[in-house]
Amino acid sequence: MKPLHNSDVDALFDTILSLKTREECYAFFEDACTIKEILDISQRLKAARMLSAGANYADISRETGMSTATISRVSKCLDYGAGGYRLVIDRNAKRKMQNAKSESEA
């Protein structure tokens, strides 16, 4: 069993999965994390999206203020990680396409 995989982390992820709205997410994460932690995670996700779209490290660093070392870590996770970034990037892209399609049909 991986060190990350334990009952406490399972309980955390079950809690996150129980959140139903963006406002519920804001309430939980503002209580559970520092603002910096939330912003760091959101910047890493942004870097992953930008890397997936073909942006280079310098552009990502300039836009996000992230160090190239952190961008490199995100890039390694995209290429060799557990697939989490790719999963959410693909899901969010599909959701955006579905929302755009729904809006154009309305």
PDB file of N, CA and C in Angstrom:
ATOM      1  N   MET A   1       0.842  -1.185   0.000  1.00  0.00           N
ATOM      2  CA  MET A   1       0.000   0.000   0.000  1.00  0.00           C
ATOM      3  C   MET A   1       0.887   1.248   0.000  1.00  0.00           C
ATOM      4  N   LYS A   2       0.534   2.213  -0.823  1.00  0.00           N
ATOM      5  CA  LYS A   2       1.302   3.452  -0.900  1.00  0.00           C
ATOM      6  C   LYS A   2       1.102   4.255   0.379  1.00  0.00           C
ATOM      7  N   PRO A   3       2.129   5.027   0.814  1.00  0.00           N
ATOM      8  CA  PRO A   3       2.000   5.807   2.054  1.00  0.00           C
ATOM      9  C   PRO A   3       0.834   6.798   2.021  1.00  0.00           C
ATOM     10  N   LEU A   4       0.510   7.306   0.848  1.00  0.00           N
ATOM     11  CA  LEU A   4      -0.600   8.258   0.729  1.00  0.00           C
ATOM     12  C   LEU A   4      -1.946   7.578   0.956  1.00  0.00           C
ATOM     13  N   HIS A   5      -2.018   6.312   0.612  1.00  0.00           N
ATOM     14  CA  HIS A   5      -3.287   5.578   0.700  1.00  0.00           C
ATOM     15  C   HIS A   5      -3.496   5.069   2.126  1.00  0.00           C
ATOM     16  N   ASN A   6      -4.325   5.790   2.869  1.00  0.00           N
ATOM     17  CA  ASN A   6      -4.661   5.349   4.222  1.00  0.00           C
ATOM     18  C   ASN A   6      -6.065   5.835   4.553  1.00  0.00           C
ATOM     19  N   SER A   7      -6.585   5.420   5.676  1.00  0.00           N
ATOM     20  CA  SER A   7      -7.980   5.722   6.011  1.00  0.00           C
ATOM     21  C   SER A   7      -8.230   7.214   6.207  1.00  0.00           C
ATOM     22  N   ASP A   8      -7.247   7.948   6.705  1.00  0.00           N
ATOM     23  CA  ASP A   8      -7.430   9.394   6.874  1.00  0.00           C
ATOM     24  C   ASP A   8      -7.541  10.109   5.530  1.00  0.00           C
ATOM     25  N   VAL A   9      -6.690   9.711   4.580  1.00  0.00           N
ATOM     26  CA  VAL A   9      -6.759  10.312   3.247  1.00  0.00           C
ATOM     27  C   VAL A   9      -8.039   9.863   2.545  1.00  0.00           C
ATOM     28  N   ASP A  10      -8.436   8.612   2.734  1.00  0.00           N
ATOM     29  CA  ASP A  10      -9.714   8.150   2.190  1.00  0.00           C
ATOM     30  C   ASP A  10     -10.858   9.023   2.703  1.00  0.00           C
ATOM     31  N   ALA A  11     -10.850   9.320   3.989  1.00  0.00           N
ATOM     32  CA  ALA A  11     -11.907  10.152   4.582  1.00  0.00           C
ATOM     33  C   ALA A  11     -11.879  11.565   3.985  1.00  0.00           C
ATOM     34  N   LEU A  12     -10.676  12.109   3.786  1.00  0.00           N
ATOM     35  CA  LEU A  12     -10.562  13.426   3.155  1.00  0.00           C
ATOM     36  C   LEU A  12     -11.160  13.408   1.757  1.00  0.00           C
ATOM     37  N   PHE A  13     -10.768  12.423   0.947  1.00  0.00           N
ATOM     38  CA  PHE A  13     -11.269  12.363  -0.420  1.00  0.00           C
ATOM     39  C   PHE A  13     -12.769  12.099  -0.457  1.00  0.00           C
ATOM     40  N   ASP A  14     -13.275  11.279   0.439  1.00  0.00           N
ATOM     41  CA  ASP A  14     -14.727  11.072   0.523  1.00  0.00           C
ATOM     42  C   ASP A  14     -15.434  12.380   0.848  1.00  0.00           C
ATOM     43  N   THR A  15     -14.817  13.171   1.721  1.00  0.00           N
ATOM     44  CA  THR A  15     -15.381  14.476   2.067  1.00  0.00           C
ATOM     45  C   THR A  15     -15.415  15.384   0.848  1.00  0.00           C
ATOM     46  N   ILE A  16     -14.305  15.429   0.105  1.00  0.00           N
ATOM     47  CA  ILE A  16     -14.255  16.269  -1.095  1.00  0.00           C
ATOM     48  C   ILE A  16     -15.295  15.805  -2.114  1.00  0.00           C
ATOM     49  N   LEU A  17     -15.423  14.498  -2.273  1.00  0.00           N
ATOM     50  CA  LEU A  17     -16.413  13.971  -3.213  1.00  0.00           C
ATOM     51  C   LEU A  17     -17.847  14.284  -2.796  1.00  0.00           C
ATOM     52  N   SER A  18     -18.066  14.562  -1.517  1.00  0.00           N
ATOM     53  CA  SER A  18     -19.424  14.876  -1.046  1.00  0.00           C
ATOM     54  C   SER A  18     -19.828  16.325  -1.331  1.00  0.00           C
ATOM     55  N   LEU A  19     -18.860  17.177  -1.671  1.00  0.00           N
ATOM     56  CA  LEU A  19     -19.163  18.578  -1.946  1.00  0.00           C
ATOM     57  C   LEU A  19     -19.934  18.686  -3.258  1.00  0.00           C
ATOM     58  N   LYS A  20     -21.000  19.487  -3.255  1.00  0.00           N
ATOM     59  CA  LYS A  20     -21.888  19.518  -4.411  1.00  0.00           C
ATOM     60  C   LYS A  20     -21.808  20.799  -5.232  1.00  0.00           C
ATOM     61  N   THR A  21     -21.358  21.881  -4.650  1.00  0.00           N
ATOM     62  CA  THR A  21     -21.336  23.148  -5.379  1.00  0.00           C
ATOM     63  C   THR A  21     -19.976  23.817  -5.220  1.00  0.00           C
ATOM     64  N   ARG A  22     -19.724  24.782  -6.074  1.00  0.00           N
ATOM     65  CA  ARG A  22     -18.484  25.552  -5.961  1.00  0.00           C
ATOM     66  C   ARG A  22     -18.438  26.272  -4.618  1.00  0.00           C
ATOM     67  N   GLU A  23     -19.561  26.796  -4.157  1.00  0.00           N
ATOM     68  CA  GLU A  23     -19.593  27.501  -2.866  1.00  0.00           C
ATOM     69  C   GLU A  23     -19.272  26.551  -1.710  1.00  0.00           C
ATOM     70  N   GLU A  24     -19.757  25.311  -1.776  1.00  0.00           N
ATOM     71  CA  GLU A  24     -19.397  24.324  -0.754  1.00  0.00           C
ATOM     72  C   GLU A  24     -17.889  24.063  -0.799  1.00  0.00           C
ATOM     73  N   CYS A  25     -17.317  24.009  -1.991  1.00  0.00           N
ATOM     74  CA  CYS A  25     -15.862  23.815  -2.118  1.00  0.00           C
ATOM     75  C   CYS A  25     -15.113  24.987  -1.502  1.00  0.00           C
ATOM     76  N   TYR A  26     -15.546  26.216  -1.813  1.00  0.00           N
ATOM     77  CA  TYR A  26     -14.900  27.377  -1.210  1.00  0.00           C
ATOM     78  C   TYR A  26     -14.968  27.294   0.316  1.00  0.00           C
ATOM     79  N   ALA A  27     -16.130  26.973   0.861  1.00  0.00           N
ATOM     80  CA  ALA A  27     -16.286  26.926   2.318  1.00  0.00           C
ATOM     81  C   ALA A  27     -15.362  25.880   2.935  1.00  0.00           C
ATOM     82  N   PHE A  28     -15.347  24.675   2.357  1.00  0.00           N
ATOM     83  CA  PHE A  28     -14.509  23.619   2.918  1.00  0.00           C
ATOM     84  C   PHE A  28     -13.027  23.953   2.800  1.00  0.00           C
ATOM     85  N   PHE A  29     -12.595  24.320   1.593  1.00  0.00           N
ATOM     86  CA  PHE A  29     -11.162  24.547   1.387  1.00  0.00           C
ATOM     87  C   PHE A  29     -10.656  25.780   2.132  1.00  0.00           C
ATOM     88  N   GLU A  30     -11.492  26.802   2.287  1.00  0.00           N
ATOM     89  CA  GLU A  30     -11.070  27.958   3.080  1.00  0.00           C
ATOM     90  C   GLU A  30     -10.871  27.586   4.541  1.00  0.00           C
ATOM     91  N   ASP A  31     -11.649  26.633   5.027  1.00  0.00           N
ATOM     92  CA  ASP A  31     -11.469  26.156   6.404  1.00  0.00           C
ATOM     93  C   ASP A  31     -10.286  25.195   6.519  1.00  0.00           C
ATOM     94  N   ALA A  32     -10.104  24.342   5.517  1.00  0.00           N
ATOM     95  CA  ALA A  32      -9.120  23.260   5.618  1.00  0.00           C
ATOM     96  C   ALA A  32      -7.710  23.653   5.178  1.00  0.00           C
ATOM     97  N   CYS A  33      -7.597  24.653   4.328  1.00  0.00           N
ATOM     98  CA  CYS A  33      -6.290  25.011   3.750  1.00  0.00           C
ATOM     99  C   CYS A  33      -6.016  26.493   3.945  1.00  0.00           C
ATOM    100  N   THR A  34      -4.759  26.846   3.828  1.00  0.00           N
ATOM    101  CA  THR A  34      -4.429  28.271   3.802  1.00  0.00           C
ATOM    102  C   THR A  34      -4.748  28.802   2.403  1.00  0.00           C
ATOM    103  N   ILE A  35      -4.902  30.092   2.296  1.00  0.00           N
ATOM    104  CA  ILE A  35      -5.146  30.697   0.986  1.00  0.00           C
ATOM    105  C   ILE A  35      -3.991  30.359   0.048  1.00  0.00           C
ATOM    106  N   LYS A  36      -2.771  30.416   0.562  1.00  0.00           N
ATOM    107  CA  LYS A  36      -1.601  30.102  -0.264  1.00  0.00           C
ATOM    108  C   LYS A  36      -1.653  28.681  -0.796  1.00  0.00           C
ATOM    109  N   GLU A  37      -2.069  27.723   0.028  1.00  0.00           N
ATOM    110  CA  GLU A  37      -2.161  26.336  -0.427  1.00  0.00           C
ATOM    111  C   GLU A  37      -3.175  26.195  -1.562  1.00  0.00           C
ATOM    112  N   ILE A  38      -4.315  26.845  -1.416  1.00  0.00           N
ATOM    113  CA  ILE A  38      -5.343  26.787  -2.461  1.00  0.00           C
ATOM    114  C   ILE A  38      -4.822  27.425  -3.748  1.00  0.00           C
ATOM    115  N   LEU A  39      -4.193  28.601  -3.606  1.00  0.00           N
ATOM    116  CA  LEU A  39      -3.661  29.287  -4.782  1.00  0.00           C
ATOM    117  C   LEU A  39      -2.546  28.482  -5.442  1.00  0.00           C
ATOM    118  N   ASP A  40      -1.698  27.830  -4.644  1.00  0.00           N
ATOM    119  CA  ASP A  40      -0.628  27.002  -5.202  1.00  0.00           C
ATOM    120  C   ASP A  40      -1.197  25.850  -6.024  1.00  0.00           C
ATOM    121  N   ILE A  41      -2.202  25.174  -5.503  1.00  0.00           N
ATOM    122  CA  ILE A  41      -2.818  24.064  -6.232  1.00  0.00           C
ATOM    123  C   ILE A  41      -3.471  24.574  -7.512  1.00  0.00           C
ATOM    124  N   SER A  42      -4.166  25.705  -7.431  1.00  0.00           N
ATOM    125  CA  SER A  42      -4.827  26.235  -8.625  1.00  0.00           C
ATOM    126  C   SER A  42      -3.798  26.649  -9.670  1.00  0.00           C
ATOM    127  N   GLN A  43      -2.650  27.185  -9.229  1.00  0.00           N
ATOM    128  CA  GLN A  43      -1.596  27.556 -10.181  1.00  0.00           C
ATOM    129  C   GLN A  43      -0.982  26.319 -10.831  1.00  0.00           C
ATOM    130  N   ARG A  44      -0.809  25.265 -10.076  1.00  0.00           N
ATOM    131  CA  ARG A  44      -0.259  24.029 -10.649  1.00  0.00           C
ATOM    132  C   ARG A  44      -1.207  23.460 -11.702  1.00  0.00           C
ATOM    133  N   LEU A  45      -2.492  23.514 -11.418  1.00  0.00           N
ATOM    134  CA  LEU A  45      -3.468  23.047 -12.403  1.00  0.00           C
ATOM    135  C   LEU A  45      -3.424  23.932 -13.646  1.00  0.00           C
ATOM    136  N   LYS A  46      -3.305  25.238 -13.457  1.00  0.00           N
ATOM    137  CA  LYS A  46      -3.193  26.148 -14.597  1.00  0.00           C
ATOM    138  C   LYS A  46      -1.947  25.823 -15.412  1.00  0.00           C
ATOM    139  N   ALA A  47      -0.827  25.577 -14.743  1.00  0.00           N
ATOM    140  CA  ALA A  47       0.402  25.211 -15.445  1.00  0.00           C
ATOM    141  C   ALA A  47       0.204  23.918 -16.230  1.00  0.00           C
ATOM    142  N   ALA A  48      -0.479  22.946 -15.638  1.00  0.00           N
ATOM    143  CA  ALA A  48      -0.734  21.683 -16.334  1.00  0.00           C
ATOM    144  C   ALA A  48      -1.575  21.919 -17.583  1.00  0.00           C
ATOM    145  N   ARG A  49      -2.596  22.767 -17.470  1.00  0.00           N
ATOM    146  CA  ARG A  49      -3.424  23.085 -18.640  1.00  0.00           C
ATOM    147  C   ARG A  49      -2.587  23.772 -19.722  1.00  0.00           C
ATOM    148  N   MET A  50      -1.751  24.727 -19.300  1.00  0.00           N
ATOM    149  CA  MET A  50      -0.925  25.455 -20.258  1.00  0.00           C
ATOM    150  C   MET A  50       0.092  24.526 -20.917  1.00  0.00           C
ATOM    151  N   LEU A  51       0.723  23.641 -20.145  1.00  0.00           N
ATOM    152  CA  LEU A  51       1.662  22.675 -20.714  1.00  0.00           C
ATOM    153  C   LEU A  51       0.957  21.769 -21.718  1.00  0.00           C
ATOM    154  N   SER A  52      -0.237  21.331 -21.379  1.00  0.00           N
ATOM    155  CA  SER A  52      -1.008  20.470 -22.278  1.00  0.00           C
ATOM    156  C   SER A  52      -1.342  21.179 -23.585  1.00  0.00           C
ATOM    157  N   ALA A  53      -1.482  22.497 -23.506  1.00  0.00           N
ATOM    158  CA  ALA A  53      -1.797  23.294 -24.690  1.00  0.00           C
ATOM    159  C   ALA A  53      -0.540  23.693 -25.467  1.00  0.00           C
ATOM    160  N   GLY A  54       0.639  23.290 -24.969  1.00  0.00           N
ATOM    161  CA  GLY A  54       1.873  23.542 -25.689  1.00  0.00           C
ATOM    162  C   GLY A  54       2.661  24.765 -25.256  1.00  0.00           C
ATOM    163  N   ALA A  55       2.274  25.395 -24.155  1.00  0.00           N
ATOM    164  CA  ALA A  55       3.007  26.574 -23.676  1.00  0.00           C
ATOM    165  C   ALA A  55       4.382  26.170 -23.166  1.00  0.00           C
ATOM    166  N   ASN A  56       5.332  27.092 -23.236  1.00  0.00           N
ATOM    167  CA  ASN A  56       6.675  26.809 -22.735  1.00  0.00           C
ATOM    168  C   ASN A  56       6.811  27.313 -21.296  1.00  0.00           C
ATOM    169  N   TYR A  57       7.870  26.857 -20.644  1.00  0.00           N
ATOM    170  CA  TYR A  57       8.090  27.183 -19.237  1.00  0.00           C
ATOM    171  C   TYR A  57       8.151  28.686 -18.996  1.00  0.00           C
ATOM    172  N   ALA A  58       8.829  29.417 -19.889  1.00  0.00           N
ATOM    173  CA  ALA A  58       8.987  30.864 -19.693  1.00  0.00           C
ATOM    174  C   ALA A  58       7.629  31.565 -19.709  1.00  0.00           C
ATOM    175  N   ASP A  59       6.765  31.180 -20.648  1.00  0.00           N
ATOM    176  CA  ASP A  59       5.431  31.792 -20.712  1.00  0.00           C
ATOM    177  C   ASP A  59       4.608  31.455 -19.467  1.00  0.00           C
ATOM    178  N   ILE A  60       4.696  30.213 -19.030  1.00  0.00           N
ATOM    179  CA  ILE A  60       3.948  29.789 -17.849  1.00  0.00           C
ATOM    180  C   ILE A  60       4.456  30.529 -16.617  1.00  0.00           C
ATOM    181  N   SER A  61       5.759  30.613 -16.480  1.00  0.00           N
ATOM    182  CA  SER A  61       6.351  31.318 -15.344  1.00  0.00           C
ATOM    183  C   SER A  61       5.937  32.785 -15.332  1.00  0.00           C
ATOM    184  N   ARG A  62       5.973  33.400 -16.496  1.00  0.00           N
ATOM    185  CA  ARG A  62       5.593  34.812 -16.604  1.00  0.00           C
ATOM    186  C   ARG A  62       4.118  35.018 -16.231  1.00  0.00           C
ATOM    187  N   GLU A  63       3.258  34.125 -16.697  1.00  0.00           N
ATOM    188  CA  GLU A  63       1.815  34.281 -16.446  1.00  0.00           C
ATOM    189  C   GLU A  63       1.410  33.910 -15.019  1.00  0.00           C
ATOM    190  N   THR A  64       2.084  32.923 -14.442  1.00  0.00           N
ATOM    191  CA  THR A  64       1.660  32.426 -13.129  1.00  0.00           C
ATOM    192  C   THR A  64       2.549  32.887 -11.982  1.00  0.00           C
ATOM    193  N   GLY A  65       3.784  33.276 -12.303  1.00  0.00           N
ATOM    194  CA  GLY A  65       4.749  33.606 -11.256  1.00  0.00           C
ATOM    195  C   GLY A  65       5.403  32.377 -10.641  1.00  0.00           C
ATOM    196  N   MET A  66       5.123  31.194 -11.198  1.00  0.00           N
ATOM    197  CA  MET A  66       5.696  29.951 -10.689  1.00  0.00           C
ATOM    198  C   MET A  66       7.150  29.835 -11.099  1.00  0.00           C
ATOM    199  N   SER A  67       7.933  29.144 -10.274  1.00  0.00           N
ATOM    200  CA  SER A  67       9.320  28.869 -10.631  1.00  0.00           C
ATOM    201  C   SER A  67       9.347  27.795 -11.717  1.00  0.00           C
ATOM    202  N   THR A  68      10.428  27.799 -12.495  1.00  0.00           N
ATOM    203  CA  THR A  68      10.548  26.765 -13.521  1.00  0.00           C
ATOM    204  C   THR A  68      10.711  25.381 -12.887  1.00  0.00           C
ATOM    205  N   ALA A  69      11.236  25.325 -11.665  1.00  0.00           N
ATOM    206  CA  ALA A  69      11.357  24.035 -10.969  1.00  0.00           C
ATOM    207  C   ALA A  69       9.971  23.449 -10.687  1.00  0.00           C
ATOM    208  N   THR A  70       9.039  24.284 -10.249  1.00  0.00           N
ATOM    209  CA  THR A  70       7.679  23.802  -9.987  1.00  0.00           C
ATOM    210  C   THR A  70       6.987  23.426 -11.291  1.00  0.00           C
ATOM    211  N   ILE A  71       7.195  24.231 -12.318  1.00  0.00           N
ATOM    212  CA  ILE A  71       6.606  23.912 -13.625  1.00  0.00           C
ATOM    213  C   ILE A  71       7.160  22.580 -14.124  1.00  0.00           C
ATOM    214  N   SER A  72       8.452  22.350 -13.918  1.00  0.00           N
ATOM    215  CA  SER A  72       9.070  21.089 -14.313  1.00  0.00           C
ATOM    216  C   SER A  72       8.440  19.914 -13.572  1.00  0.00           C
ATOM    217  N   ARG A  73       8.170  20.112 -12.295  1.00  0.00           N
ATOM    218  CA  ARG A  73       7.534  19.045 -11.509  1.00  0.00           C
ATOM    219  C   ARG A  73       6.143  18.729 -12.055  1.00  0.00           C
ATOM    220  N   VAL A  74       5.383  19.783 -12.393  1.00  0.00           N
ATOM    221  CA  VAL A  74       4.052  19.584 -12.978  1.00  0.00           C
ATOM    222  C   VAL A  74       4.180  18.849 -14.307  1.00  0.00           C
ATOM    223  N   SER A  75       5.166  19.239 -15.110  1.00  0.00           N
ATOM    224  CA  SER A  75       5.381  18.595 -16.403  1.00  0.00           C
ATOM    225  C   SER A  75       5.694  17.107 -16.225  1.00  0.00           C
ATOM    226  N   LYS A  76       6.536  16.789 -15.247  1.00  0.00           N
ATOM    227  CA  LYS A  76       6.867  15.377 -14.985  1.00  0.00           C
ATOM    228  C   LYS A  76       5.618  14.601 -14.563  1.00  0.00           C
ATOM    229  N   CYS A  77       4.771  15.237 -13.767  1.00  0.00           N
ATOM    230  CA  CYS A  77       3.526  14.577 -13.353  1.00  0.00           C
ATOM    231  C   CYS A  77       2.607  14.344 -14.555  1.00  0.00           C
ATOM    232  N   LEU A  78       2.568  15.315 -15.457  1.00  0.00           N
ATOM    233  CA  LEU A  78       1.763  15.141 -16.670  1.00  0.00           C
ATOM    234  C   LEU A  78       2.266  13.956 -17.483  1.00  0.00           C
ATOM    235  N   ASP A  79       3.581  13.828 -17.591  1.00  0.00           N
ATOM    236  CA  ASP A  79       4.161  12.783 -18.427  1.00  0.00           C
ATOM    237  C   ASP A  79       4.270  11.428 -17.746  1.00  0.00           C
ATOM    238  N   TYR A  80       4.571  11.421 -16.447  1.00  0.00           N
ATOM    239  CA  TYR A  80       4.890  10.158 -15.775  1.00  0.00           C
ATOM    240  C   TYR A  80       4.106   9.918 -14.483  1.00  0.00           C
ATOM    241  N   GLY A  81       3.182  10.810 -14.152  1.00  0.00           N
ATOM    242  CA  GLY A  81       2.463  10.715 -12.885  1.00  0.00           C
ATOM    243  C   GLY A  81       1.307   9.734 -12.924  1.00  0.00           C
ATOM    244  N   ALA A  82       0.427   9.883 -11.983  1.00  0.00           N
ATOM    245  CA  ALA A  82      -0.706   8.970 -11.819  1.00  0.00           C
ATOM    246  C   ALA A  82      -1.846   9.249 -12.800  1.00  0.00           C
ATOM    247  N   GLY A  83      -1.752  10.344 -13.560  1.00  0.00           N
ATOM    248  CA  GLY A  83      -2.787  10.651 -14.546  1.00  0.00           C
ATOM    249  C   GLY A  83      -3.855  11.607 -14.047  1.00  0.00           C
ATOM    250  N   GLY A  84      -3.674  12.126 -12.847  1.00  0.00           N
ATOM    251  CA  GLY A  84      -4.691  13.009 -12.278  1.00  0.00           C
ATOM    252  C   GLY A  84      -4.872  14.313 -13.031  1.00  0.00           C
ATOM    253  N   TYR A  85      -3.766  14.954 -13.399  1.00  0.00           N
ATOM    254  CA  TYR A  85      -3.881  16.198 -14.165  1.00  0.00           C
ATOM    255  C   TYR A  85      -4.600  15.947 -15.486  1.00  0.00           C
ATOM    256  N   ARG A  86      -4.174  14.918 -16.211  1.00  0.00           N
ATOM    257  CA  ARG A  86      -4.795  14.616 -17.512  1.00  0.00           C
ATOM    258  C   ARG A  86      -6.279  14.332 -17.353  1.00  0.00           C
ATOM    259  N   LEU A  87      -6.634  13.602 -16.314  1.00  0.00           N
ATOM    260  CA  LEU A  87      -8.037  13.278 -16.065  1.00  0.00           C
ATOM    261  C   LEU A  87      -8.875  14.537 -15.921  1.00  0.00           C
ATOM    262  N   VAL A  88      -8.444  15.448 -15.058  1.00  0.00           N
ATOM    263  CA  VAL A  88      -9.269  16.638 -14.825  1.00  0.00           C
ATOM    264  C   VAL A  88      -9.210  17.612 -15.992  1.00  0.00           C
ATOM    265  N   ILE A  89      -8.069  17.702 -16.665  1.00  0.00           N
ATOM    266  CA  ILE A  89      -7.979  18.573 -17.847  1.00  0.00           C
ATOM    267  C   ILE A  89      -8.944  18.078 -18.924  1.00  0.00           C
ATOM    268  N   ASP A  90      -8.932  16.772 -19.194  1.00  0.00           N
ATOM    269  CA  ASP A  90      -9.826  16.204 -20.207  1.00  0.00           C
ATOM    270  C   ASP A  90     -11.292  16.361 -19.813  1.00  0.00           C
ATOM    271  N   ARG A  91     -11.600  16.104 -18.550  1.00  0.00           N
ATOM    272  CA  ARG A  91     -12.989  16.245 -18.094  1.00  0.00           C
ATOM    273  C   ARG A  91     -13.481  17.677 -18.199  1.00  0.00           C
ATOM    274  N   ASN A  92     -12.644  18.616 -17.783  1.00  0.00           N
ATOM    275  CA  ASN A  92     -13.043  20.014 -17.845  1.00  0.00           C
ATOM    276  C   ASN A  92     -13.211  20.474 -19.292  1.00  0.00           C
ATOM    277  N   ALA A  93     -12.360  19.992 -20.192  1.00  0.00           N
ATOM    278  CA  ALA A  93     -12.490  20.336 -21.611  1.00  0.00           C
ATOM    279  C   ALA A  93     -13.802  19.788 -22.167  1.00  0.00           C
ATOM    280  N   LYS A  94     -14.137  18.537 -21.834  1.00  0.00           N
ATOM    281  CA  LYS A  94     -15.394  17.948 -22.289  1.00  0.00           C
ATOM    282  C   LYS A  94     -16.592  18.714 -21.733  1.00  0.00           C
ATOM    283  N   ARG A  95     -16.506  19.101 -20.464  1.00  0.00           N
ATOM    284  CA  ARG A  95     -17.611  19.840 -19.841  1.00  0.00           C
ATOM    285  C   ARG A  95     -17.795  21.190 -20.524  1.00  0.00           C
ATOM    286  N   LYS A  96     -16.685  21.875 -20.831  1.00  0.00           N
ATOM    287  CA  LYS A  96     -16.771  23.167 -21.517  1.00  0.00           C
ATOM    288  C   LYS A  96     -17.398  23.006 -22.890  1.00  0.00           C
ATOM    289  N   MET A  97     -17.027  21.937 -23.606  1.00  0.00           N
ATOM    290  CA  MET A  97     -17.613  21.688 -24.932  1.00  0.00           C
ATOM    291  C   MET A  97     -19.108  21.403 -24.821  1.00  0.00           C
ATOM    292  N   GLN A  98     -19.497  20.625 -23.816  1.00  0.00           N
ATOM    293  CA  GLN A  98     -20.912  20.321 -23.626  1.00  0.00           C
ATOM    294  C   GLN A  98     -21.695  21.572 -23.260  1.00  0.00           C
ATOM    295  N   ASN A  99     -21.122  22.419 -22.397  1.00  0.00           N
ATOM    296  CA  ASN A  99     -21.787  23.665 -22.018  1.00  0.00           C
ATOM    297  C   ASN A  99     -21.930  24.591 -23.219  1.00  0.00           C
ATOM    298  N   ALA A 100     -20.881  24.685 -24.052  1.00  0.00           N
ATOM    299  CA  ALA A 100     -20.949  25.538 -25.237  1.00  0.00           C
ATOM    300  C   ALA A 100     -21.993  25.013 -26.208  1.00  0.00           C
ATOM    301  N   LYS A 101     -22.068  23.699 -26.349  1.00  0.00           N
ATOM    302  CA  LYS A 101     -23.063  23.089 -27.242  1.00  0.00           C
ATOM    303  C   LYS A 101     -24.467  23.373 -26.724  1.00  0.00           C
ATOM    304  N   SER A 102     -24.674  23.217 -25.413  1.00  0.00           N
ATOM    305  CA  SER A 102     -25.975  23.476 -24.813  1.00  0.00           C
ATOM    306  C   SER A 102     -26.400  24.940 -24.996  1.00  0.00           C
ATOM    307  N   GLU A 103     -25.441  25.856 -24.835  1.00  0.00           N
ATOM    308  CA  GLU A 103     -25.741  27.276 -24.995  1.00  0.00           C
ATOM    309  C   GLU A 103     -26.073  27.622 -26.441  1.00  0.00           C
ATOM    310  N   SER A 104     -25.407  26.964 -27.389  1.00  0.00           N
ATOM    311  CA  SER A 104     -25.671  27.273 -28.792  1.00  0.00           C
ATOM    312  C   SER A 104     -27.016  26.699 -29.237  1.00  0.00           C
ATOM    313  N   GLU A 105     -27.473  25.633 -28.580  1.00  0.00           N
ATOM    314  CA  GLU A 105     -28.759  25.032 -28.907  1.00  0.00           C
ATOM    315  C   GLU A 105     -29.921  25.788 -28.276  1.00  0.00           C
ATOM    316  N   ALA A 106     -29.631  26.571 -27.249  1.00  0.00           N
ATOM    317  CA  ALA A 106     -30.704  27.290 -26.529  1.00  0.00           C
ATOM    318  C   ALA A 106     -31.166  28.514 -27.269  1.00  0.00           C
TER     319      ALA A 106
END
